[in-house]
Amino acid sequence: MIAAVMWGDVFRRAIQAFDEISTRAVIDPTVLANRVWEAACDNGYDEFDGIIEHVEPALEPEGFGQFKLLVASYAETPLDLAEDDHEALQFCVRCAARQMIITPIKRSPA
């Protein structure tokens, strides 16, 4: 249990460091948006939770537009639900996918 808490703290501190790092990074905002999207999609341990708000200034309107396109494309992709999955499991998968889509957009600039 102690190790889990320590690792969680490490990830939380690392994510907070993106506030400063992202504004200093010399990277095209569209490329950054693609990298943030890849990280958010491969977030198996919740290590990238909250990343969007920390890199938002560096995304600029161009990168945020790209990020929105990626989210919209993901939203249009049909879920891979096995027909033999229990209805409750299918419901949970749909909810998780919806949360993945909605959460990043909540803080988006106009």
C-alpha atoms as a PDB file:
ATOM      1  CA  MET A   1       0.000   0.000   0.000  1.00  0.00           C
ATOM      2  CA  ILE A   2       2.806   2.433   0.831  1.00  0.00           C
ATOM      3  CA  ALA A   3       4.472   1.813  -2.530  1.00  0.00           C
ATOM      4  CA  ALA A   4       1.213   2.553  -4.355  1.00  0.00           C
ATOM      5  CA  VAL A   5       0.845   5.866  -2.526  1.00  0.00           C
ATOM      6  CA  MET A   6       4.429   6.816  -3.274  1.00  0.00           C
ATOM      7  CA  TRP A   7       4.085   6.034  -6.991  1.00  0.00           C
ATOM      8  CA  GLY A   8       0.836   7.984  -7.117  1.00  0.00           C
ATOM      9  CA  ASP A   9       2.615  10.986  -5.611  1.00  0.00           C
ATOM     10  CA  VAL A  10       5.406  10.677  -8.178  1.00  0.00           C
ATOM     11  CA  PHE A  11       2.929  10.739 -11.059  1.00  0.00           C
ATOM     12  CA  ARG A  12       0.953  13.648  -9.574  1.00  0.00           C
ATOM     13  CA  ARG A  13       4.129  15.710  -9.169  1.00  0.00           C
ATOM     14  CA  ALA A  14       5.289  14.822 -12.654  1.00  0.00           C
ATOM     15  CA  ILE A  15       1.988  15.920 -14.182  1.00  0.00           C
ATOM     16  CA  GLN A  16       2.152  19.218 -12.285  1.00  0.00           C
ATOM     17  CA  ALA A  17       5.627  19.810 -13.723  1.00  0.00           C
ATOM     18  CA  PHE A  18       4.017  20.022 -17.156  1.00  0.00           C
ATOM     19  CA  ASP A  19       2.712  23.485 -16.208  1.00  0.00           C
ATOM     20  CA  GLU A  20       6.221  24.867 -16.566  1.00  0.00           C
ATOM     21  CA  ILE A  21       7.661  22.362 -19.021  1.00  0.00           C
ATOM     22  CA  SER A  22       4.944  22.720 -21.644  1.00  0.00           C
ATOM     23  CA  THR A  23       5.297  26.496 -21.904  1.00  0.00           C
ATOM     24  CA  ARG A  24       9.057  26.168 -22.449  1.00  0.00           C
ATOM     25  CA  ALA A  25       8.860  23.338 -24.950  1.00  0.00           C
ATOM     26  CA  VAL A  26       9.632  24.213 -28.518  1.00  0.00           C
ATOM     27  CA  ILE A  27       7.130  21.990 -30.271  1.00  0.00           C
ATOM     28  CA  ASP A  28       4.461  22.529 -32.861  1.00  0.00           C
ATOM     29  CA  PRO A  29       1.090  22.728 -31.045  1.00  0.00           C
ATOM     30  CA  THR A  30      -0.443  20.193 -33.425  1.00  0.00           C
ATOM     31  CA  VAL A  31       2.336  17.704 -32.725  1.00  0.00           C
ATOM     32  CA  LEU A  32       1.896  18.319 -29.002  1.00  0.00           C
ATOM     33  CA  ALA A  33      -1.855  17.701 -29.333  1.00  0.00           C
ATOM     34  CA  ASN A  34      -1.164  14.364 -31.032  1.00  0.00           C
ATOM     35  CA  ARG A  35       1.282  13.341 -28.311  1.00  0.00           C
ATOM     36  CA  VAL A  36      -1.099  14.355 -25.521  1.00  0.00           C
ATOM     37  CA  TRP A  37      -3.884  12.396 -27.221  1.00  0.00           C
ATOM     38  CA  GLU A  38      -1.684   9.290 -27.463  1.00  0.00           C
ATOM     39  CA  ALA A  39      -0.808   9.614 -23.763  1.00  0.00           C
ATOM     40  CA  ALA A  40      -4.452  10.089 -22.786  1.00  0.00           C
ATOM     41  CA  CYS A  41      -5.461   7.020 -24.793  1.00  0.00           C
ATOM     42  CA  ASP A  42      -2.766   4.864 -23.200  1.00  0.00           C
ATOM     43  CA  ASN A  43      -3.572   5.897 -19.639  1.00  0.00           C
ATOM     44  CA  GLY A  44      -3.864   2.445 -18.093  1.00  0.00           C
ATOM     45  CA  TYR A  45      -2.630   3.482 -14.661  1.00  0.00           C
ATOM     46  CA  ASP A  46      -4.211   6.954 -14.685  1.00  0.00           C
ATOM     47  CA  GLU A  47      -0.725   8.400 -14.902  1.00  0.00           C
ATOM     48  CA  PHE A  48      -1.846  11.071 -17.373  1.00  0.00           C
ATOM     49  CA  ASP A  49      -5.031  12.128 -15.592  1.00  0.00           C
ATOM     50  CA  GLY A  50      -5.311  15.892 -15.797  1.00  0.00           C
ATOM     51  CA  ILE A  51      -2.575  16.282 -18.413  1.00  0.00           C
ATOM     52  CA  ILE A  52      -4.715  18.432 -20.697  1.00  0.00           C
ATOM     53  CA  GLU A  53      -5.143  21.276 -18.241  1.00  0.00           C
ATOM     54  CA  HIS A  54      -1.377  21.330 -17.644  1.00  0.00           C
ATOM     55  CA  VAL A  55      -0.418  21.574 -21.326  1.00  0.00           C
ATOM     56  CA  GLU A  56      -3.364  23.735 -22.387  1.00  0.00           C
ATOM     57  CA  PRO A  57      -1.330  26.979 -22.698  1.00  0.00           C
ATOM     58  CA  ALA A  58       1.200  25.277 -24.963  1.00  0.00           C
ATOM     59  CA  LEU A  59      -1.513  23.766 -27.164  1.00  0.00           C
ATOM     60  CA  GLU A  60      -2.644  27.213 -28.277  1.00  0.00           C
ATOM     61  CA  PRO A  61      -5.794  27.413 -30.442  1.00  0.00           C
ATOM     62  CA  GLU A  62      -4.216  25.399 -33.267  1.00  0.00           C
ATOM     63  CA  GLY A  63      -3.236  22.475 -31.045  1.00  0.00           C
ATOM     64  CA  PHE A  64      -6.508  22.540 -29.148  1.00  0.00           C
ATOM     65  CA  GLY A  65      -8.341  22.418 -32.460  1.00  0.00           C
ATOM     66  CA  GLN A  66      -6.310  19.352 -33.417  1.00  0.00           C
ATOM     67  CA  PHE A  67      -7.059  17.784 -30.045  1.00  0.00           C
ATOM     68  CA  LYS A  68     -10.779  18.371 -30.545  1.00  0.00           C
ATOM     69  CA  LEU A  69     -10.581  16.715 -33.979  1.00  0.00           C
ATOM     70  CA  LEU A  70      -8.931  13.677 -32.426  1.00  0.00           C
ATOM     71  CA  VAL A  71     -11.603  13.488 -29.728  1.00  0.00           C
ATOM     72  CA  ALA A  72     -14.389  13.871 -32.287  1.00  0.00           C
ATOM     73  CA  SER A  73     -12.867  11.129 -34.438  1.00  0.00           C
ATOM     74  CA  TYR A  74     -12.657   8.863 -31.405  1.00  0.00           C
ATOM     75  CA  ALA A  75     -16.289   9.628 -30.583  1.00  0.00           C
ATOM     76  CA  GLU A  76     -17.323   8.513 -34.068  1.00  0.00           C
ATOM     77  CA  THR A  77     -15.468   5.205 -33.831  1.00  0.00           C
ATOM     78  CA  PRO A  78     -17.812   2.352 -32.949  1.00  0.00           C
ATOM     79  CA  LEU A  79     -17.059   0.619 -29.672  1.00  0.00           C
ATOM     80  CA  ASP A  80     -15.637  -2.869 -29.890  1.00  0.00           C
ATOM     81  CA  LEU A  81     -18.218  -4.689 -27.789  1.00  0.00           C
ATOM     82  CA  ALA A  82     -18.386  -8.454 -27.912  1.00  0.00           C
ATOM     83  CA  GLU A  83     -21.919  -9.686 -28.424  1.00  0.00           C
ATOM     84  CA  ASP A  84     -21.468 -12.242 -25.673  1.00  0.00           C
ATOM     85  CA  ASP A  85     -20.405  -9.589 -23.119  1.00  0.00           C
ATOM     86  CA  HIS A  86     -22.949  -9.134 -20.378  1.00  0.00           C
ATOM     87  CA  GLU A  87     -25.207  -6.103 -20.850  1.00  0.00           C
ATOM     88  CA  ALA A  88     -23.817  -4.524 -17.672  1.00  0.00           C
ATOM     89  CA  LEU A  89     -20.250  -4.790 -19.006  1.00  0.00           C
ATOM     90  CA  GLN A  90     -21.298  -3.236 -22.308  1.00  0.00           C
ATOM     91  CA  PHE A  91     -22.916  -0.383 -20.371  1.00  0.00           C
ATOM     92  CA  CYS A  92     -19.704   0.187 -18.374  1.00  0.00           C
ATOM     93  CA  VAL A  93     -17.610   0.248 -21.542  1.00  0.00           C
ATOM     94  CA  ARG A  94     -19.941   2.816 -23.099  1.00  0.00           C
ATOM     95  CA  CYS A  95     -19.782   4.963 -19.948  1.00  0.00           C
ATOM     96  CA  ALA A  96     -15.982   4.790 -19.809  1.00  0.00           C
ATOM     97  CA  ALA A  97     -15.754   5.773 -23.476  1.00  0.00           C
ATOM     98  CA  ARG A  98     -18.145   8.676 -22.910  1.00  0.00           C
ATOM     99  CA  GLN A  99     -16.066   9.870 -19.929  1.00  0.00           C
ATOM    100  CA  MET A 100     -12.918   9.713 -22.077  1.00  0.00           C
ATOM    101  CA  ILE A 101     -14.617  11.927 -24.640  1.00  0.00           C
ATOM    102  CA  ILE A 102     -16.264  14.468 -22.342  1.00  0.00           C
ATOM    103  CA  THR A 103     -13.581  15.092 -19.706  1.00  0.00           C
ATOM    104  CA  PRO A 104     -10.909  16.609 -22.011  1.00  0.00           C
ATOM    105  CA  ILE A 105     -13.376  18.963 -23.677  1.00  0.00           C
ATOM    106  CA  LYS A 106     -14.827  20.507 -20.504  1.00  0.00           C
ATOM    107  CA  ARG A 107     -11.980  23.007 -20.116  1.00  0.00           C
ATOM    108  CA  SER A 108     -11.493  23.804 -23.761  1.00  0.00           C
ATOM    109  CA  PRO A 109     -11.175  27.423 -24.775  1.00  0.00           C
ATOM    110  CA  ALA A 110     -13.843  28.759 -27.122  1.00  0.00           C
END
